[in-house]
Every structure is written in C-alpha cells, then in structure tokens.
Amino acid sequence: MNPVDPFERQLREVFRRVEPPPGLEQRILRRVRPRQPRRLPPWLAVAASLVLVVGGSLGVMRWQERQHRQREAERVRQQLALTLEITSRTLARADQRLRSIGVERIRLQEVSSWQEY
C-alpha cells in the first residue's frame, strides 16, 4: 500500500461534492441584492434649502454691515484728521499773532468743572 493513498482518500472525502440545501440560492440573492436607497422626506430637502438660504443671507448681511462700518470708520478718521489739521493751523496763527504783540507766555489755570462758569 502506498503511503499517499490514505492522504488522497482523505482529500477526496473532504472535497467531495455536496448538494446545497433547497432555497439556499434565493436566501443568498436576497442578502446580496442591492438595497433601495432610503428616500428622505421632501420636507427635509426644503428645510435644508431654507437653512442654506437664510444662513447665506445672514452671512451676506453681516459682511455688508462690516463693510459699512469700515467705510464709516474711515470717514470719521478723515474728519478727525481734518479737524486736527485745522486746529493746528488755527493755534499756530494765534501763537504767531500773540508773539507779534509781545506775548511770550500765557498763564493757564486748571478748571475742575465747567459748571463754575
């Protein structure tokens, strides 16, 4: 007897054809069949669209408000710069006039409250 014969016999026994149980093919196909995608309710799409529109609108409004504030701040800065320049020129002219009449120094007195006058 050949020593490979028992091994070959075991392999043949293990790999012998076995008939599948009835209905196995249908059960496998049911599990493998692609499932229908879940459909979302139509109101959910409408709600999501509304959220996007409202959120986008609020974002645009906020951006416009920021732009408006920046323009307003720039306008105020320019007005302040002009005011300081006019004040500086006026004070320089007043100083020049005072010096022309011989006033070198003006005595300043601190006032604690405007209500005293």
N, C-alpha and C. Protein backbone atom coordinates (compact mmCIF):
# COMPACT_ATOMS: atom_id res chain seq x y z
N MET A 1 0.83 -1.18 0.00
CA MET A 1 0.00 0.00 0.00
C MET A 1 0.87 1.24 0.00
N ASN A 2 0.50 2.17 -0.78
CA ASN A 2 1.24 3.40 -0.95
C ASN A 2 0.88 4.36 0.20
N PRO A 3 1.92 5.07 0.86
CA PRO A 3 1.61 5.96 1.98
C PRO A 3 0.78 7.18 1.57
N VAL A 4 0.71 7.51 0.31
CA VAL A 4 -0.06 8.67 -0.14
C VAL A 4 -1.53 8.30 -0.26
N ASP A 5 -1.85 7.06 -0.39
CA ASP A 5 -3.23 6.64 -0.58
C ASP A 5 -4.16 7.09 0.55
N PRO A 6 -3.82 6.96 1.85
CA PRO A 6 -4.76 7.45 2.88
C PRO A 6 -4.94 8.97 2.81
N PHE A 7 -3.87 9.69 2.50
CA PHE A 7 -3.97 11.16 2.39
C PHE A 7 -4.88 11.54 1.22
N GLU A 8 -4.68 10.86 0.08
CA GLU A 8 -5.53 11.14 -1.08
C GLU A 8 -6.97 10.79 -0.79
N ARG A 9 -7.20 9.72 -0.07
CA ARG A 9 -8.56 9.34 0.28
C ARG A 9 -9.21 10.41 1.16
N GLN A 10 -8.45 10.92 2.10
CA GLN A 10 -8.99 11.98 2.97
C GLN A 10 -9.32 13.24 2.16
N LEU A 11 -8.41 13.60 1.24
CA LEU A 11 -8.67 14.78 0.39
C LEU A 11 -9.92 14.59 -0.45
N ARG A 12 -10.07 13.41 -1.03
CA ARG A 12 -11.25 13.14 -1.85
C ARG A 12 -12.51 13.21 -1.00
N GLU A 13 -12.44 12.73 0.21
CA GLU A 13 -13.61 12.75 1.11
C GLU A 13 -13.97 14.19 1.49
N VAL A 14 -12.93 14.99 1.79
CA VAL A 14 -13.18 16.38 2.19
C VAL A 14 -13.72 17.20 1.02
N PHE A 15 -13.19 16.97 -0.16
CA PHE A 15 -13.58 17.76 -1.31
C PHE A 15 -14.67 17.13 -2.17
N ARG A 16 -15.38 16.14 -1.66
CA ARG A 16 -16.46 15.55 -2.46
C ARG A 16 -17.60 16.54 -2.58
N ARG A 17 -18.32 16.49 -3.64
CA ARG A 17 -19.40 17.43 -3.92
C ARG A 17 -20.55 17.17 -2.98
N VAL A 18 -21.04 18.27 -2.42
CA VAL A 18 -22.21 18.19 -1.53
C VAL A 18 -23.29 19.07 -2.14
N GLU A 19 -24.47 18.58 -2.22
CA GLU A 19 -25.59 19.35 -2.77
C GLU A 19 -26.03 20.39 -1.75
N PRO A 20 -26.26 21.64 -2.20
CA PRO A 20 -26.72 22.67 -1.27
C PRO A 20 -28.15 22.42 -0.84
N PRO A 21 -28.52 22.92 0.33
CA PRO A 21 -29.91 22.73 0.77
C PRO A 21 -30.86 23.53 -0.14
N PRO A 22 -32.07 23.08 -0.25
CA PRO A 22 -33.02 23.78 -1.11
C PRO A 22 -33.28 25.21 -0.61
N GLY A 23 -33.38 26.18 -1.55
CA GLY A 23 -33.66 27.57 -1.21
C GLY A 23 -32.44 28.40 -0.83
N LEU A 24 -31.26 27.77 -0.81
CA LEU A 24 -30.04 28.50 -0.43
C LEU A 24 -29.74 29.63 -1.41
N GLU A 25 -29.93 29.33 -2.70
CA GLU A 25 -29.63 30.34 -3.71
C GLU A 25 -30.52 31.59 -3.51
N GLN A 26 -31.81 31.40 -3.25
CA GLN A 26 -32.72 32.53 -3.04
C GLN A 26 -32.32 33.33 -1.79
N ARG A 27 -31.95 32.65 -0.73
CA ARG A 27 -31.55 33.35 0.50
C ARG A 27 -30.29 34.18 0.28
N ILE A 28 -29.35 33.62 -0.46
CA ILE A 28 -28.10 34.35 -0.75
C ILE A 28 -28.40 35.58 -1.62
N LEU A 29 -29.20 35.38 -2.65
CA LEU A 29 -29.53 36.50 -3.54
C LEU A 29 -30.29 37.61 -2.80
N ARG A 30 -31.15 37.24 -1.86
CA ARG A 30 -31.87 38.26 -1.08
C ARG A 30 -30.90 39.11 -0.26
N ARG A 31 -29.89 38.47 0.28
CA ARG A 31 -28.91 39.22 1.08
C ARG A 31 -27.98 40.06 0.22
N VAL A 32 -27.66 39.57 -0.98
CA VAL A 32 -26.70 40.24 -1.84
C VAL A 32 -27.38 41.34 -2.66
N ARG A 33 -28.66 41.21 -2.92
CA ARG A 33 -29.38 42.17 -3.75
C ARG A 33 -29.21 43.58 -3.18
N PRO A 34 -28.87 44.54 -4.05
CA PRO A 34 -28.68 45.91 -3.54
C PRO A 34 -29.97 46.44 -2.93
N ARG A 35 -29.81 47.06 -1.79
CA ARG A 35 -30.97 47.63 -1.11
C ARG A 35 -31.34 48.94 -1.77
N GLN A 36 -32.60 49.23 -1.72
CA GLN A 36 -33.06 50.51 -2.25
C GLN A 36 -32.58 51.62 -1.31
N PRO A 37 -32.03 52.69 -1.88
CA PRO A 37 -31.58 53.77 -1.01
C PRO A 37 -32.78 54.37 -0.27
N ARG A 38 -32.53 54.74 0.97
CA ARG A 38 -33.60 55.35 1.76
C ARG A 38 -33.90 56.72 1.19
N ARG A 39 -35.13 56.95 0.92
CA ARG A 39 -35.54 58.26 0.41
C ARG A 39 -35.85 59.16 1.59
N LEU A 40 -35.27 60.35 1.53
CA LEU A 40 -35.55 61.33 2.56
C LEU A 40 -36.88 62.00 2.26
N PRO A 41 -37.57 62.40 3.31
CA PRO A 41 -38.85 63.07 3.08
C PRO A 41 -38.62 64.40 2.35
N PRO A 42 -39.53 64.79 1.48
CA PRO A 42 -39.35 66.02 0.70
C PRO A 42 -39.22 67.27 1.59
N TRP A 43 -39.88 67.27 2.73
CA TRP A 43 -39.81 68.45 3.60
C TRP A 43 -38.41 68.66 4.13
N LEU A 44 -37.64 67.57 4.24
CA LEU A 44 -36.28 67.70 4.74
C LEU A 44 -35.40 68.44 3.74
N ALA A 45 -35.59 68.18 2.46
CA ALA A 45 -34.84 68.90 1.43
C ALA A 45 -35.23 70.37 1.43
N VAL A 46 -36.51 70.66 1.61
CA VAL A 46 -36.97 72.05 1.66
C VAL A 46 -36.37 72.75 2.88
N ALA A 47 -36.39 72.07 4.02
CA ALA A 47 -35.83 72.66 5.25
C ALA A 47 -34.34 72.92 5.09
N ALA A 48 -33.62 71.99 4.51
CA ALA A 48 -32.18 72.18 4.31
C ALA A 48 -31.92 73.35 3.36
N SER A 49 -32.72 73.47 2.33
CA SER A 49 -32.57 74.60 1.40
C SER A 49 -32.83 75.92 2.11
N LEU A 50 -33.86 75.96 2.94
CA LEU A 50 -34.18 77.18 3.68
C LEU A 50 -33.05 77.55 4.63
N VAL A 51 -32.49 76.56 5.30
CA VAL A 51 -31.37 76.83 6.21
C VAL A 51 -30.19 77.42 5.43
N LEU A 52 -29.91 76.86 4.26
CA LEU A 52 -28.81 77.38 3.45
C LEU A 52 -29.08 78.80 2.98
N VAL A 53 -30.30 79.07 2.54
CA VAL A 53 -30.64 80.40 2.04
C VAL A 53 -30.58 81.42 3.17
N VAL A 54 -31.19 81.08 4.32
CA VAL A 54 -31.19 82.01 5.45
C VAL A 54 -29.76 82.23 5.96
N GLY A 55 -29.01 81.15 6.09
CA GLY A 55 -27.62 81.28 6.55
C GLY A 55 -26.79 82.11 5.60
N GLY A 56 -26.95 81.88 4.31
CA GLY A 56 -26.22 82.67 3.32
C GLY A 56 -26.63 84.13 3.36
N SER A 57 -27.93 84.38 3.49
CA SER A 57 -28.41 85.77 3.56
C SER A 57 -27.85 86.48 4.79
N LEU A 58 -27.87 85.80 5.92
CA LEU A 58 -27.32 86.40 7.13
C LEU A 58 -25.83 86.69 6.98
N GLY A 59 -25.13 85.78 6.35
CA GLY A 59 -23.70 85.99 6.12
C GLY A 59 -23.44 87.19 5.24
N VAL A 60 -24.23 87.33 4.17
CA VAL A 60 -24.07 88.48 3.27
C VAL A 60 -24.42 89.77 4.01
N MET A 61 -25.49 89.75 4.80
CA MET A 61 -25.89 90.95 5.55
C MET A 61 -24.79 91.35 6.54
N ARG A 62 -24.21 90.37 7.19
CA ARG A 62 -23.14 90.66 8.15
C ARG A 62 -21.92 91.25 7.45
N TRP A 63 -21.59 90.70 6.29
CA TRP A 63 -20.46 91.21 5.52
C TRP A 63 -20.72 92.65 5.09
N GLN A 64 -21.96 92.94 4.62
CA GLN A 64 -22.31 94.29 4.20
C GLN A 64 -22.24 95.26 5.38
N GLU A 65 -22.72 94.81 6.55
CA GLU A 65 -22.66 95.66 7.75
C GLU A 65 -21.22 95.97 8.12
N ARG A 66 -20.36 94.97 8.04
CA ARG A 66 -18.95 95.18 8.34
C ARG A 66 -18.33 96.18 7.36
N GLN A 67 -18.67 96.05 6.08
CA GLN A 67 -18.17 96.99 5.08
C GLN A 67 -18.66 98.41 5.38
N HIS A 68 -19.92 98.53 5.76
CA HIS A 68 -20.49 99.84 6.09
C HIS A 68 -19.75 100.45 7.28
N ARG A 69 -19.51 99.64 8.30
CA ARG A 69 -18.80 100.14 9.49
C ARG A 69 -17.38 100.58 9.14
N GLN A 70 -16.72 99.83 8.28
CA GLN A 70 -15.37 100.20 7.89
C GLN A 70 -15.36 101.51 7.11
N ARG A 71 -16.34 101.67 6.21
CA ARG A 71 -16.42 102.94 5.46
C ARG A 71 -16.71 104.10 6.41
N GLU A 72 -17.62 103.88 7.36
CA GLU A 72 -17.96 104.92 8.33
C GLU A 72 -16.74 105.27 9.20
N ALA A 73 -16.00 104.25 9.63
CA ALA A 73 -14.81 104.50 10.45
C ALA A 73 -13.77 105.29 9.66
N GLU A 74 -13.62 104.98 8.39
CA GLU A 74 -12.66 105.72 7.55
C GLU A 74 -13.11 107.17 7.39
N ARG A 75 -14.41 107.39 7.20
CA ARG A 75 -14.94 108.75 7.07
C ARG A 75 -14.68 109.55 8.35
N VAL A 76 -14.92 108.94 9.51
CA VAL A 76 -14.70 109.61 10.79
C VAL A 76 -13.21 109.89 10.97
N ARG A 77 -12.36 108.95 10.58
CA ARG A 77 -10.91 109.16 10.69
C ARG A 77 -10.47 110.36 9.85
N GLN A 78 -11.01 110.45 8.63
CA GLN A 78 -10.67 111.57 7.76
C GLN A 78 -11.16 112.90 8.35
N GLN A 79 -12.38 112.89 8.91
CA GLN A 79 -12.91 114.11 9.53
C GLN A 79 -12.04 114.53 10.72
N LEU A 80 -11.63 113.56 11.53
CA LEU A 80 -10.79 113.86 12.68
C LEU A 80 -9.44 114.43 12.24
N ALA A 81 -8.86 113.84 11.20
CA ALA A 81 -7.58 114.33 10.70
C ALA A 81 -7.72 115.77 10.20
N LEU A 82 -8.82 116.07 9.49
CA LEU A 82 -9.06 117.42 9.01
C LEU A 82 -9.25 118.39 10.18
N THR A 83 -10.02 117.96 11.18
CA THR A 83 -10.26 118.79 12.36
C THR A 83 -8.95 119.10 13.08
N LEU A 84 -8.11 118.09 13.26
CA LEU A 84 -6.82 118.30 13.92
C LEU A 84 -5.92 119.23 13.11
N GLU A 85 -5.96 119.09 11.79
CA GLU A 85 -5.14 119.96 10.95
C GLU A 85 -5.61 121.42 11.04
N ILE A 86 -6.94 121.63 11.00
CA ILE A 86 -7.49 122.98 11.11
C ILE A 86 -7.15 123.57 12.48
N THR A 87 -7.30 122.75 13.53
CA THR A 87 -6.99 123.22 14.88
C THR A 87 -5.51 123.58 14.99
N SER A 88 -4.65 122.75 14.43
CA SER A 88 -3.22 123.02 14.49
C SER A 88 -2.88 124.33 13.77
N ARG A 89 -3.46 124.55 12.60
CA ARG A 89 -3.21 125.80 11.86
C ARG A 89 -3.72 127.02 12.64
N THR A 90 -4.92 126.87 13.21
CA THR A 90 -5.50 127.98 13.97
C THR A 90 -4.65 128.31 15.18
N LEU A 91 -4.19 127.29 15.89
CA LEU A 91 -3.33 127.53 17.06
C LEU A 91 -2.00 128.15 16.64
N ALA A 92 -1.46 127.73 15.52
CA ALA A 92 -0.19 128.29 15.03
C ALA A 92 -0.38 129.78 14.70
N ARG A 93 -1.53 130.13 14.05
CA ARG A 93 -1.80 131.52 13.73
C ARG A 93 -2.00 132.35 15.00
N ALA A 94 -2.72 131.80 15.97
CA ALA A 94 -2.94 132.51 17.23
C ALA A 94 -1.61 132.72 17.95
N ASP A 95 -0.75 131.71 17.95
CA ASP A 95 0.57 131.83 18.58
C ASP A 95 1.38 132.91 17.88
N GLN A 96 1.31 132.91 16.55
CA GLN A 96 2.06 133.91 15.77
C GLN A 96 1.55 135.33 16.08
N ARG A 97 0.23 135.52 16.17
CA ARG A 97 -0.33 136.84 16.48
C ARG A 97 0.05 137.30 17.89
N LEU A 98 -0.04 136.33 18.86
CA LEU A 98 0.32 136.67 20.24
C LEU A 98 1.79 137.08 20.32
N ARG A 99 2.65 136.36 19.62
CA ARG A 99 4.08 136.70 19.65
C ARG A 99 4.32 138.06 18.98
N SER A 100 3.50 138.36 17.95
CA SER A 100 3.69 139.64 17.26
C SER A 100 3.34 140.84 18.15
N ILE A 101 2.49 140.64 19.15
CA ILE A 101 2.16 141.73 20.07
C ILE A 101 2.95 141.63 21.37
N GLY A 102 3.90 140.70 21.41
CA GLY A 102 4.80 140.63 22.55
C GLY A 102 4.40 139.66 23.64
N VAL A 103 3.41 138.86 23.46
CA VAL A 103 3.02 137.88 24.48
C VAL A 103 3.83 136.61 24.24
N GLU A 104 4.68 136.28 25.21
CA GLU A 104 5.52 135.09 25.08
C GLU A 104 4.92 133.91 25.85
N ARG A 105 4.27 134.22 26.93
CA ARG A 105 3.78 133.14 27.77
C ARG A 105 2.39 133.51 28.28
N ILE A 106 1.48 132.52 28.29
CA ILE A 106 0.13 132.71 28.80
C ILE A 106 -0.02 131.85 30.04
N ARG A 107 -0.47 132.45 31.10
CA ARG A 107 -0.67 131.71 32.35
C ARG A 107 -1.96 130.91 32.24
N LEU A 108 -1.84 129.60 32.46
CA LEU A 108 -3.01 128.72 32.38
C LEU A 108 -3.46 128.36 33.78
N GLN A 109 -4.75 128.30 33.94
CA GLN A 109 -5.32 127.92 35.23
C GLN A 109 -6.21 126.72 34.97
N GLU A 110 -6.00 125.67 35.77
CA GLU A 110 -6.79 124.45 35.60
C GLU A 110 -8.16 124.67 36.18
N VAL A 111 -9.17 124.22 35.46
CA VAL A 111 -10.55 124.35 35.92
C VAL A 111 -11.06 122.95 36.19
N SER A 112 -11.63 122.78 37.40
CA SER A 112 -12.08 121.44 37.77
C SER A 112 -13.44 121.10 37.18
N SER A 113 -14.26 122.12 36.95
CA SER A 113 -15.58 121.81 36.42
C SER A 113 -16.07 122.99 35.58
N TRP A 114 -16.77 122.71 34.53
CA TRP A 114 -17.31 123.74 33.66
C TRP A 114 -18.50 124.44 34.31
N GLN A 115 -19.10 123.84 35.31
CA GLN A 115 -20.30 124.40 35.92
C GLN A 115 -19.99 125.64 36.76
N GLU A 116 -18.75 125.88 37.09
CA GLU A 116 -18.38 127.05 37.87
C GLU A 116 -18.56 128.33 37.08
N TYR A 117 -18.64 128.28 35.79
CA TYR A 117 -18.71 129.49 34.97
C TYR A 117 -20.11 129.84 34.66
